[in-house]
PDB file of all heavy atoms in Angstrom:
ATOM      1  N   LYS A   1      18.702 -21.541   6.651  1.00  0.00           N
ATOM      2  CA  LYS A   1      18.149 -20.189   6.676  1.00  0.00           C
ATOM      3  C   LYS A   1      18.259 -19.523   5.309  1.00  0.00           C
ATOM      4  O   LYS A   1      17.380 -18.787   4.904  1.00  0.00           O
ATOM      5  CB  LYS A   1      18.837 -19.338   7.740  1.00  0.00           C
ATOM      6  CG  LYS A   1      18.394 -19.669   9.139  1.00  0.00           C
ATOM      7  CD  LYS A   1      19.026 -18.738  10.136  1.00  0.00           C
ATOM      8  CE  LYS A   1      18.535 -19.084  11.532  1.00  0.00           C
ATOM      9  NZ  LYS A   1      19.144 -18.238  12.552  1.00  0.00           N
ATOM     10  N   VAL A   2      19.331 -19.789   4.574  1.00  0.00           N
ATOM     11  CA  VAL A   2      19.481 -19.212   3.243  1.00  0.00           C
ATOM     12  C   VAL A   2      18.384 -19.740   2.330  1.00  0.00           C
ATOM     13  O   VAL A   2      17.747 -18.994   1.601  1.00  0.00           O
ATOM     14  CB  VAL A   2      20.875 -19.528   2.656  1.00  0.00           C
ATOM     15  CG1 VAL A   2      20.936 -19.177   1.184  1.00  0.00           C
ATOM     16  CG2 VAL A   2      21.942 -18.776   3.439  1.00  0.00           C
ATOM     17  N   LYS A   3      18.114 -21.034   2.393  1.00  0.00           N
ATOM     18  CA  LYS A   3      17.068 -21.610   1.566  1.00  0.00           C
ATOM     19  C   LYS A   3      15.703 -21.068   1.967  1.00  0.00           C
ATOM     20  O   LYS A   3      14.848 -20.839   1.142  1.00  0.00           O
ATOM     21  CB  LYS A   3      17.067 -23.136   1.674  1.00  0.00           C
ATOM     22  CG  LYS A   3      18.210 -23.783   0.946  1.00  0.00           C
ATOM     23  CD  LYS A   3      18.109 -25.272   0.998  1.00  0.00           C
ATOM     24  CE  LYS A   3      19.256 -25.926   0.274  1.00  0.00           C
ATOM     25  NZ  LYS A   3      19.188 -27.378   0.325  1.00  0.00           N
ATOM     26  N   GLN A   4      15.485 -20.869   3.247  1.00  0.00           N
ATOM     27  CA  GLN A   4      14.203 -20.407   3.740  1.00  0.00           C
ATOM     28  C   GLN A   4      13.925 -18.968   3.292  1.00  0.00           C
ATOM     29  O   GLN A   4      12.798 -18.619   2.996  1.00  0.00           O
ATOM     30  CB  GLN A   4      14.184 -20.490   5.264  1.00  0.00           C
ATOM     31  CG  GLN A   4      12.825 -20.260   5.878  1.00  0.00           C
ATOM     32  CD  GLN A   4      12.870 -20.402   7.378  1.00  0.00           C
ATOM     33  OE1 GLN A   4      13.915 -20.235   7.996  1.00  0.00           O
ATOM     34  NE2 GLN A   4      11.748 -20.713   7.960  1.00  0.00           N
ATOM     35  N   SER A   5      14.965 -18.133   3.195  1.00  0.00           N
ATOM     36  CA  SER A   5      14.768 -16.737   2.815  1.00  0.00           C
ATOM     37  C   SER A   5      14.411 -16.585   1.339  1.00  0.00           C
ATOM     38  O   SER A   5      13.956 -15.540   0.921  1.00  0.00           O
ATOM     39  CB  SER A   5      16.010 -15.919   3.139  1.00  0.00           C
ATOM     40  OG  SER A   5      17.075 -16.325   2.306  1.00  0.00           O
ATOM     41  N   GLN A   6      14.615 -17.627   0.536  1.00  0.00           N
ATOM     42  CA  GLN A   6      14.296 -17.544  -0.884  1.00  0.00           C
ATOM     43  C   GLN A   6      12.806 -17.750  -1.150  1.00  0.00           C
ATOM     44  O   GLN A   6      12.343 -17.536  -2.249  1.00  0.00           O
ATOM     45  CB  GLN A   6      15.103 -18.575  -1.654  1.00  0.00           C
ATOM     46  CG  GLN A   6      16.590 -18.294  -1.629  1.00  0.00           C
ATOM     47  CD  GLN A   6      17.395 -19.423  -2.213  1.00  0.00           C
ATOM     48  OE1 GLN A   6      16.868 -20.486  -2.498  1.00  0.00           O
ATOM     49  NE2 GLN A   6      18.683 -19.200  -2.386  1.00  0.00           N
ATOM     50  N   VAL A   7      12.053 -18.138  -0.139  1.00  0.00           N
ATOM     51  CA  VAL A   7      10.627 -18.361  -0.306  1.00  0.00           C
ATOM     52  C   VAL A   7       9.923 -17.010  -0.395  1.00  0.00           C
ATOM     53  O   VAL A   7      10.156 -16.127   0.412  1.00  0.00           O
ATOM     54  CB  VAL A   7      10.070 -19.175   0.887  1.00  0.00           C
ATOM     55  CG1 VAL A   7       8.568 -19.332   0.761  1.00  0.00           C
ATOM     56  CG2 VAL A   7      10.742 -20.530   0.949  1.00  0.00           C
ATOM     57  N   LYS A   8       9.063 -16.864  -1.395  1.00  0.00           N
ATOM     58  CA  LYS A   8       8.346 -15.609  -1.591  1.00  0.00           C
ATOM     59  C   LYS A   8       6.973 -15.696  -0.932  1.00  0.00           C
ATOM     60  O   LYS A   8       6.339 -16.741  -0.944  1.00  0.00           O
ATOM     61  CB  LYS A   8       8.178 -15.317  -3.080  1.00  0.00           C
ATOM     62  CG  LYS A   8       9.487 -15.046  -3.774  1.00  0.00           C
ATOM     63  CD  LYS A   8       9.270 -14.732  -5.230  1.00  0.00           C
ATOM     64  CE  LYS A   8      10.611 -14.483  -5.918  1.00  0.00           C
ATOM     65  NZ  LYS A   8      10.441 -14.208  -7.336  1.00  0.00           N
ATOM     66  N   LYS A   9       6.542 -14.589  -0.384  1.00  0.00           N
ATOM     67  CA  LYS A   9       5.235 -14.534   0.250  1.00  0.00           C
ATOM     68  C   LYS A   9       4.162 -14.394  -0.814  1.00  0.00           C
ATOM     69  O   LYS A   9       4.356 -13.728  -1.824  1.00  0.00           O
ATOM     70  CB  LYS A   9       5.145 -13.350   1.217  1.00  0.00           C
ATOM     71  CG  LYS A   9       6.028 -13.496   2.418  1.00  0.00           C
ATOM     72  CD  LYS A   9       5.834 -12.320   3.347  1.00  0.00           C
ATOM     73  CE  LYS A   9       6.721 -12.440   4.565  1.00  0.00           C
ATOM     74  NZ  LYS A   9       6.561 -11.304   5.474  1.00  0.00           N
ATOM     75  N   ARG A  10       3.018 -15.018  -0.546  1.00  0.00           N
ATOM     76  CA  ARG A  10       1.889 -14.892  -1.460  1.00  0.00           C
ATOM     77  C   ARG A  10       1.175 -13.578  -1.221  1.00  0.00           C
ATOM     78  O   ARG A  10       1.103 -13.086  -0.106  1.00  0.00           O
ATOM     79  CB  ARG A  10       0.893 -16.022  -1.242  1.00  0.00           C
ATOM     80  CG  ARG A  10       1.375 -17.349  -1.711  1.00  0.00           C
ATOM     81  CD  ARG A  10       0.279 -18.354  -1.579  1.00  0.00           C
ATOM     82  NE  ARG A  10       0.708 -19.642  -2.082  1.00  0.00           N
ATOM     83  CZ  ARG A  10      -0.046 -20.703  -2.099  1.00  0.00           C
ATOM     84  NH1 ARG A  10      -1.266 -20.644  -1.625  1.00  0.00           N
ATOM     85  NH2 ARG A  10       0.404 -21.831  -2.569  1.00  0.00           N
ATOM     86  N   LYS A  11       0.617 -13.041  -2.286  1.00  0.00           N
ATOM     87  CA  LYS A  11      -0.170 -11.826  -2.164  1.00  0.00           C
ATOM     88  C   LYS A  11      -1.519 -12.186  -1.548  1.00  0.00           C
ATOM     89  O   LYS A  11      -2.037 -13.279  -1.801  1.00  0.00           O
ATOM     90  CB  LYS A  11      -0.385 -11.189  -3.540  1.00  0.00           C
ATOM     91  CG  LYS A  11       0.882 -10.658  -4.157  1.00  0.00           C
ATOM     92  CD  LYS A  11       0.591 -10.029  -5.495  1.00  0.00           C
ATOM     93  CE  LYS A  11       1.864  -9.500  -6.128  1.00  0.00           C
ATOM     94  NZ  LYS A  11       1.617  -8.912  -7.442  1.00  0.00           N
ATOM     95  N   PRO A  12      -2.084 -11.287  -0.766  1.00  0.00           N
ATOM     96  CA  PRO A  12      -3.391 -11.598  -0.187  1.00  0.00           C
ATOM     97  C   PRO A  12      -4.445 -11.732  -1.286  1.00  0.00           C
ATOM     98  O   PRO A  12      -4.467 -10.960  -2.238  1.00  0.00           O
ATOM     99  CB  PRO A  12      -3.692 -10.396   0.717  1.00  0.00           C
ATOM    100  CG  PRO A  12      -2.775  -9.317   0.253  1.00  0.00           C
ATOM    101  CD  PRO A  12      -1.593  -9.987  -0.362  1.00  0.00           C
ATOM    102  N   VAL A  13      -5.285 -12.736  -1.139  1.00  0.00           N
ATOM    103  CA  VAL A  13      -6.308 -13.017  -2.129  1.00  0.00           C
ATOM    104  C   VAL A  13      -7.543 -12.183  -1.820  1.00  0.00           C
ATOM    105  O   VAL A  13      -8.012 -12.160  -0.690  1.00  0.00           O
ATOM    106  CB  VAL A  13      -6.665 -14.527  -2.123  1.00  0.00           C
ATOM    107  CG1 VAL A  13      -7.763 -14.817  -3.122  1.00  0.00           C
ATOM    108  CG2 VAL A  13      -5.430 -15.358  -2.419  1.00  0.00           C
ATOM    109  N   ARG A  14      -8.070 -11.525  -2.828  1.00  0.00           N
ATOM    110  CA  ARG A  14      -9.301 -10.768  -2.654  1.00  0.00           C
ATOM    111  C   ARG A  14     -10.479 -11.710  -2.828  1.00  0.00           C
ATOM    112  O   ARG A  14     -10.573 -12.404  -3.829  1.00  0.00           O
ATOM    113  CB  ARG A  14      -9.414  -9.661  -3.698  1.00  0.00           C
ATOM    114  CG  ARG A  14      -8.527  -8.491  -3.450  1.00  0.00           C
ATOM    115  CD  ARG A  14      -8.851  -7.418  -4.444  1.00  0.00           C
ATOM    116  NE  ARG A  14      -8.346  -6.145  -3.986  1.00  0.00           N
ATOM    117  CZ  ARG A  14      -8.602  -5.008  -4.574  1.00  0.00           C
ATOM    118  NH1 ARG A  14      -9.351  -4.972  -5.644  1.00  0.00           N
ATOM    119  NH2 ARG A  14      -8.115  -3.891  -4.109  1.00  0.00           N
ATOM    120  N   THR A  15     -11.338 -11.701  -1.868  1.00  0.00           N
ATOM    121  CA  THR A  15     -12.542 -12.520  -1.966  1.00  0.00           C
ATOM    122  C   THR A  15     -13.716 -11.634  -2.338  1.00  0.00           C
ATOM    123  O   THR A  15     -13.672 -10.429  -2.198  1.00  0.00           O
ATOM    124  CB  THR A  15     -12.832 -13.223  -0.627  1.00  0.00           C
ATOM    125  OG1 THR A  15     -13.072 -12.220   0.371  1.00  0.00           O
ATOM    126  CG2 THR A  15     -11.676 -14.107  -0.211  1.00  0.00           C
ATOM    127  N   SER A  16     -14.776 -12.267  -2.803  1.00  0.00           N
ATOM    128  CA  SER A  16     -15.943 -11.476  -3.192  1.00  0.00           C
ATOM    129  C   SER A  16     -16.559 -10.786  -1.988  1.00  0.00           C
ATOM    130  O   SER A  16     -17.196  -9.751  -2.123  1.00  0.00           O
ATOM    131  CB  SER A  16     -16.972 -12.358  -3.900  1.00  0.00           C
ATOM    132  OG  SER A  16     -17.397 -13.386  -3.049  1.00  0.00           O
ATOM    133  N   ALA A  17     -16.358 -11.335  -0.785  1.00  0.00           N
ATOM    134  CA  ALA A  17     -16.872 -10.673   0.415  1.00  0.00           C
ATOM    135  C   ALA A  17     -16.160  -9.337   0.621  1.00  0.00           C
ATOM    136  O   ALA A  17     -16.794  -8.346   0.983  1.00  0.00           O
ATOM    137  CB  ALA A  17     -16.675 -11.567   1.634  1.00  0.00           C
ATOM    138  N   ASN A  18     -14.854  -9.308   0.384  1.00  0.00           N
ATOM    139  CA  ASN A  18     -14.109  -8.046   0.501  1.00  0.00           C
ATOM    140  C   ASN A  18     -14.487  -7.080  -0.615  1.00  0.00           C
ATOM    141  O   ASN A  18     -14.570  -5.882  -0.400  1.00  0.00           O
ATOM    142  CB  ASN A  18     -12.609  -8.303   0.440  1.00  0.00           C
ATOM    143  CG  ASN A  18     -12.100  -9.099   1.610  1.00  0.00           C
ATOM    144  OD1 ASN A  18     -12.761  -9.205   2.631  1.00  0.00           O
ATOM    145  ND2 ASN A  18     -10.934  -9.680   1.451  1.00  0.00           N
ATOM    146  N   LEU A  19     -14.704  -7.605  -1.809  1.00  0.00           N
ATOM    147  CA  LEU A  19     -15.011  -6.757  -2.953  1.00  0.00           C
ATOM    148  C   LEU A  19     -16.415  -6.175  -2.871  1.00  0.00           C
ATOM    149  O   LEU A  19     -16.661  -5.077  -3.345  1.00  0.00           O
ATOM    150  CB  LEU A  19     -14.863  -7.557  -4.252  1.00  0.00           C
ATOM    151  CG  LEU A  19     -13.446  -7.993  -4.594  1.00  0.00           C
ATOM    152  CD1 LEU A  19     -13.470  -8.909  -5.794  1.00  0.00           C
ATOM    153  CD2 LEU A  19     -12.569  -6.796  -4.861  1.00  0.00           C
ATOM    154  N   SER A  20     -17.361  -6.919  -2.280  1.00  0.00           N
ATOM    155  CA  SER A  20     -18.739  -6.431  -2.220  1.00  0.00           C
ATOM    156  C   SER A  20     -18.837  -5.169  -1.376  1.00  0.00           C
ATOM    157  O   SER A  20     -19.758  -4.380  -1.533  1.00  0.00           O
ATOM    158  CB  SER A  20     -19.665  -7.517  -1.691  1.00  0.00           C
ATOM    159  OG  SER A  20     -19.343  -7.815  -0.353  1.00  0.00           O
ATOM    160  N   LYS A  21     -17.891  -4.959  -0.468  1.00  0.00           N
ATOM    161  CA  LYS A  21     -17.872  -3.740   0.331  1.00  0.00           C
ATOM    162  C   LYS A  21     -17.376  -2.554  -0.493  1.00  0.00           C
ATOM    163  O   LYS A  21     -17.648  -1.415  -0.171  1.00  0.00           O
ATOM    164  CB  LYS A  21     -16.979  -3.934   1.564  1.00  0.00           C
ATOM    165  CG  LYS A  21     -17.492  -4.986   2.520  1.00  0.00           C
ATOM    166  CD  LYS A  21     -16.516  -5.215   3.640  1.00  0.00           C
ATOM    167  CE  LYS A  21     -16.954  -6.375   4.506  1.00  0.00           C
ATOM    168  NZ  LYS A  21     -15.965  -6.730   5.503  1.00  0.00           N
ATOM    169  N   THR A  22     -16.657  -2.820  -1.571  1.00  0.00           N
ATOM    170  CA  THR A  22     -16.073  -1.769  -2.392  1.00  0.00           C
ATOM    171  C   THR A  22     -17.121  -1.065  -3.256  1.00  0.00           C
ATOM    172  O   THR A  22     -17.177   0.148  -3.296  1.00  0.00           O
ATOM    173  CB  THR A  22     -14.976  -2.344  -3.299  1.00  0.00           C
ATOM    174  OG1 THR A  22     -14.067  -3.080  -2.494  1.00  0.00           O
ATOM    175  CG2 THR A  22     -14.232  -1.252  -4.014  1.00  0.00           C
ATOM    176  N   TYR A  23     -17.945  -1.852  -3.946  1.00  0.00           N
ATOM    177  CA  TYR A  23     -18.947  -1.292  -4.849  1.00  0.00           C
ATOM    178  C   TYR A  23     -20.329  -1.746  -4.415  1.00  0.00           C
ATOM    179  O   TYR A  23     -20.562  -2.931  -4.229  1.00  0.00           O
ATOM    180  CB  TYR A  23     -18.695  -1.739  -6.293  1.00  0.00           C
ATOM    181  CG  TYR A  23     -17.331  -1.347  -6.799  1.00  0.00           C
ATOM    182  CD1 TYR A  23     -16.328  -2.302  -6.968  1.00  0.00           C
ATOM    183  CD2 TYR A  23     -17.037  -0.031  -7.095  1.00  0.00           C
ATOM    184  CE1 TYR A  23     -15.077  -1.945  -7.425  1.00  0.00           C
ATOM    185  CE2 TYR A  23     -15.777   0.332  -7.549  1.00  0.00           C
ATOM    186  CZ  TYR A  23     -14.813  -0.630  -7.719  1.00  0.00           C
ATOM    187  OH  TYR A  23     -13.576  -0.264  -8.159  1.00  0.00           O
ATOM    188  N   GLN A  24     -21.241  -0.783  -4.288  1.00  0.00           N
ATOM    189  CA  GLN A  24     -22.617  -1.092  -3.902  1.00  0.00           C
ATOM    190  C   GLN A  24     -23.561  -0.547  -4.954  1.00  0.00           C
ATOM    191  O   GLN A  24     -23.200   0.333  -5.744  1.00  0.00           O
ATOM    192  CB  GLN A  24     -22.913  -0.483  -2.531  1.00  0.00           C
ATOM    193  CG  GLN A  24     -22.056  -1.083  -1.446  1.00  0.00           C
ATOM    194  CD  GLN A  24     -22.298  -0.449  -0.091  1.00  0.00           C
ATOM    195  OE1 GLN A  24     -23.036   0.517   0.022  1.00  0.00           O
ATOM    196  NE2 GLN A  24     -21.678  -0.990   0.933  1.00  0.00           N
ATOM    197  N   ILE A  25     -24.781  -1.063  -4.954  1.00  0.00           N
ATOM    198  CA  ILE A  25     -25.776  -0.616  -5.919  1.00  0.00           C
ATOM    199  C   ILE A  25     -25.974   0.892  -5.771  1.00  0.00           C
ATOM    200  O   ILE A  25     -26.150   1.401  -4.669  1.00  0.00           O
ATOM    201  CB  ILE A  25     -27.098  -1.379  -5.719  1.00  0.00           C
ATOM    202  CG1 ILE A  25     -26.893  -2.853  -6.056  1.00  0.00           C
ATOM    203  CG2 ILE A  25     -28.204  -0.788  -6.581  1.00  0.00           C
ATOM    204  CD1 ILE A  25     -28.084  -3.728  -5.814  1.00  0.00           C
ATOM    205  N   GLY A  26     -25.926   1.587  -6.892  1.00  0.00           N
ATOM    206  CA  GLY A  26     -26.116   3.026  -6.903  1.00  0.00           C
ATOM    207  C   GLY A  26     -24.833   3.830  -6.955  1.00  0.00           C
ATOM    208  O   GLY A  26     -24.862   5.042  -7.174  1.00  0.00           O
ATOM    209  N   ASP A  27     -23.686   3.180  -6.760  1.00  0.00           N
ATOM    210  CA  ASP A  27     -22.412   3.895  -6.832  1.00  0.00           C
ATOM    211  C   ASP A  27     -22.169   4.384  -8.260  1.00  0.00           C
ATOM    212  O   ASP A  27     -22.399   3.662  -9.223  1.00  0.00           O
ATOM    213  CB  ASP A  27     -21.247   2.984  -6.433  1.00  0.00           C
ATOM    214  CG  ASP A  27     -21.162   2.738  -4.941  1.00  0.00           C
ATOM    215  OD1 ASP A  27     -21.821   3.461  -4.182  1.00  0.00           O
ATOM    216  OD2 ASP A  27     -20.424   1.811  -4.550  1.00  0.00           O
ATOM    217  N   SER A  28     -21.698   5.598  -8.376  1.00  0.00           N
ATOM    218  CA  SER A  28     -21.291   6.123  -9.665  1.00  0.00           C
ATOM    219  C   SER A  28     -19.839   5.695  -9.878  1.00  0.00           C
ATOM    220  O   SER A  28     -18.987   5.924  -9.018  1.00  0.00           O
ATOM    221  CB  SER A  28     -21.396   7.645  -9.674  1.00  0.00           C
ATOM    222  OG  SER A  28     -20.926   8.160 -10.899  1.00  0.00           O
ATOM    223  N   VAL A  29     -19.576   5.024 -11.002  1.00  0.00           N
ATOM    224  CA  VAL A  29     -18.241   4.501 -11.270  1.00  0.00           C
ATOM    225  C   VAL A  29     -17.761   4.956 -12.639  1.00  0.00           C
ATOM    226  O   VAL A  29     -18.552   5.279 -13.519  1.00  0.00           O
ATOM    227  CB  VAL A  29     -18.214   2.953 -11.197  1.00  0.00           C
ATOM    228  CG1 VAL A  29     -18.474   2.474  -9.798  1.00  0.00           C
ATOM    229  CG2 VAL A  29     -19.194   2.331 -12.162  1.00  0.00           C
ATOM    230  N   MET A  30     -16.435   4.955 -12.792  1.00  0.00           N
ATOM    231  CA  MET A  30     -15.822   5.254 -14.079  1.00  0.00           C
ATOM    232  C   MET A  30     -15.309   3.946 -14.657  1.00  0.00           C
ATOM    233  O   MET A  30     -14.565   3.216 -14.000  1.00  0.00           O
ATOM    234  CB  MET A  30     -14.667   6.235 -13.917  1.00  0.00           C
ATOM    235  CG  MET A  30     -14.028   6.629 -15.232  1.00  0.00           C
ATOM    236  SD  MET A  30     -12.664   7.784 -15.041  1.00  0.00           S
ATOM    237  CE  MET A  30     -13.536   9.216 -14.467  1.00  0.00           C
ATOM    238  N   VAL A  31     -15.730   3.628 -15.877  1.00  0.00           N
ATOM    239  CA  VAL A  31     -15.314   2.410 -16.553  1.00  0.00           C
ATOM    240  C   VAL A  31     -14.053   2.727 -17.338  1.00  0.00           C
ATOM    241  O   VAL A  31     -14.046   3.605 -18.202  1.00  0.00           O
ATOM    242  CB  VAL A  31     -16.419   1.884 -17.486  1.00  0.00           C
ATOM    243  CG1 VAL A  31     -15.960   0.631 -18.211  1.00  0.00           C
ATOM    244  CG2 VAL A  31     -17.683   1.612 -16.690  1.00  0.00           C
ATOM    245  N   LEU A  32     -12.983   2.029 -17.006  1.00  0.00           N
ATOM    246  CA  LEU A  32     -11.700   2.260 -17.655  1.00  0.00           C
ATOM    247  C   LEU A  32     -11.487   1.264 -18.776  1.00  0.00           C
ATOM    248  O   LEU A  32     -12.023   0.174 -18.731  1.00  0.00           O
ATOM    249  CB  LEU A  32     -10.576   2.140 -16.616  1.00  0.00           C
ATOM    250  CG  LEU A  32     -10.719   3.084 -15.414  1.00  0.00           C
ATOM    251  CD1 LEU A  32      -9.687   2.754 -14.370  1.00  0.00           C
ATOM    252  CD2 LEU A  32     -10.604   4.524 -15.831  1.00  0.00           C
ATOM    253  N   PRO A  33     -10.765   1.540 -19.805  1.00  0.00           N
ATOM    254  CA  PRO A  33      -9.981   2.723 -20.121  1.00  0.00           C
ATOM    255  C   PRO A  33     -10.787   3.795 -20.855  1.00  0.00           C
ATOM    256  O   PRO A  33     -10.260   4.856 -21.146  1.00  0.00           O
ATOM    257  CB  PRO A  33      -8.883   2.174 -21.023  1.00  0.00           C
ATOM    258  CG  PRO A  33      -9.537   1.075 -21.767  1.00  0.00           C
ATOM    259  CD  PRO A  33     -10.510   0.469 -20.783  1.00  0.00           C
ATOM    260  N   ASP A  34     -12.085   3.531 -21.118  1.00  0.00           N
ATOM    261  CA  ASP A  34     -12.900   4.486 -21.882  1.00  0.00           C
ATOM    262  C   ASP A  34     -13.281   5.726 -21.096  1.00  0.00           C
ATOM    263  O   ASP A  34     -13.720   6.717 -21.673  1.00  0.00           O
ATOM    264  CB  ASP A  34     -14.182   3.805 -22.372  1.00  0.00           C
ATOM    265  CG  ASP A  34     -13.896   2.577 -23.212  1.00  0.00           C
ATOM    266  OD1 ASP A  34     -12.803   2.517 -23.803  1.00  0.00           O
ATOM    267  OD2 ASP A  34     -14.747   1.679 -23.251  1.00  0.00           O
ATOM    268  N   LYS A  35     -13.163   5.643 -19.768  1.00  0.00           N
ATOM    269  CA  LYS A  35     -13.526   6.737 -18.864  1.00  0.00           C
ATOM    270  C   LYS A  35     -14.991   7.142 -19.011  1.00  0.00           C
ATOM    271  O   LYS A  35     -15.344   8.302 -18.944  1.00  0.00           O
ATOM    272  CB  LYS A  35     -12.609   7.945 -19.058  1.00  0.00           C
ATOM    273  CG  LYS A  35     -11.171   7.644 -18.693  1.00  0.00           C
ATOM    274  CD  LYS A  35     -10.307   8.868 -18.727  1.00  0.00           C
ATOM    275  CE  LYS A  35      -8.888   8.515 -18.304  1.00  0.00           C
ATOM    276  NZ  LYS A  35      -8.013   9.655 -18.298  1.00  0.00           N
ATOM    277  N   LYS A  36     -15.848   6.129 -19.194  1.00  0.00           N
ATOM    278  CA  LYS A  36     -17.290   6.364 -19.240  1.00  0.00           C
ATOM    279  C   LYS A  36     -17.831   6.273 -17.819  1.00  0.00           C
ATOM    280  O   LYS A  36     -17.391   5.443 -17.035  1.00  0.00           O
ATOM    281  CB  LYS A  36     -17.982   5.326 -20.121  1.00  0.00           C
ATOM    282  CG  LYS A  36     -17.633   5.449 -21.581  1.00  0.00           C
ATOM    283  CD  LYS A  36     -18.374   4.424 -22.384  1.00  0.00           C
ATOM    284  CE  LYS A  36     -18.018   4.524 -23.864  1.00  0.00           C
ATOM    285  NZ  LYS A  36     -18.703   3.497 -24.656  1.00  0.00           N
ATOM    286  N   ILE A  37     -18.812   7.107 -17.504  1.00  0.00           N
ATOM    287  CA  ILE A  37     -19.420   7.098 -16.191  1.00  0.00           C
ATOM    288  C   ILE A  37     -20.680   6.237 -16.238  1.00  0.00           C
ATOM    289  O   ILE A  37     -21.487   6.350 -17.161  1.00  0.00           O
ATOM    290  CB  ILE A  37     -19.777   8.541 -15.731  1.00  0.00           C
ATOM    291  CG1 ILE A  37     -18.531   9.421 -15.717  1.00  0.00           C
ATOM    292  CG2 ILE A  37     -20.459   8.513 -14.371  1.00  0.00           C
ATOM    293  CD1 ILE A  37     -17.490   9.039 -14.701  1.00  0.00           C
ATOM    294  N   GLY A  38     -20.841   5.385 -15.236  1.00  0.00           N
ATOM    295  CA  GLY A  38     -22.014   4.537 -15.136  1.00  0.00           C
ATOM    296  C   GLY A  38     -22.416   4.364 -13.687  1.00  0.00           C
ATOM    297  O   GLY A  38     -21.763   4.880 -12.778  1.00  0.00           O
ATOM    298  N   ILE A  39     -23.507   3.616 -13.478  1.00  0.00           N
ATOM    299  CA  ILE A  39     -24.016   3.364 -12.132  1.00  0.00           C
ATOM    300  C   ILE A  39     -24.065   1.863 -11.908  1.00  0.00           C
ATOM    301  O   ILE A  39     -24.538   1.103 -12.763  1.00  0.00           O
ATOM    302  CB  ILE A  39     -25.425   3.967 -11.959  1.00  0.00           C
ATOM    303  CG1 ILE A  39     -25.374   5.474 -12.164  1.00  0.00           C
ATOM    304  CG2 ILE A  39     -25.986   3.638 -10.595  1.00  0.00           C
ATOM    305  CD1 ILE A  39     -26.723   6.148 -12.174  1.00  0.00           C
TER     306      ILE A  39
END
């Protein structure tokens, strides 16, 4: 059990299917670090 508790969990992987829901055509976005606004 001590050895088993040392195993670290993996972070969830972002897939492009999940990301495509985040940004869609026409969204106004801020480009960092310049803080420029674009579409």
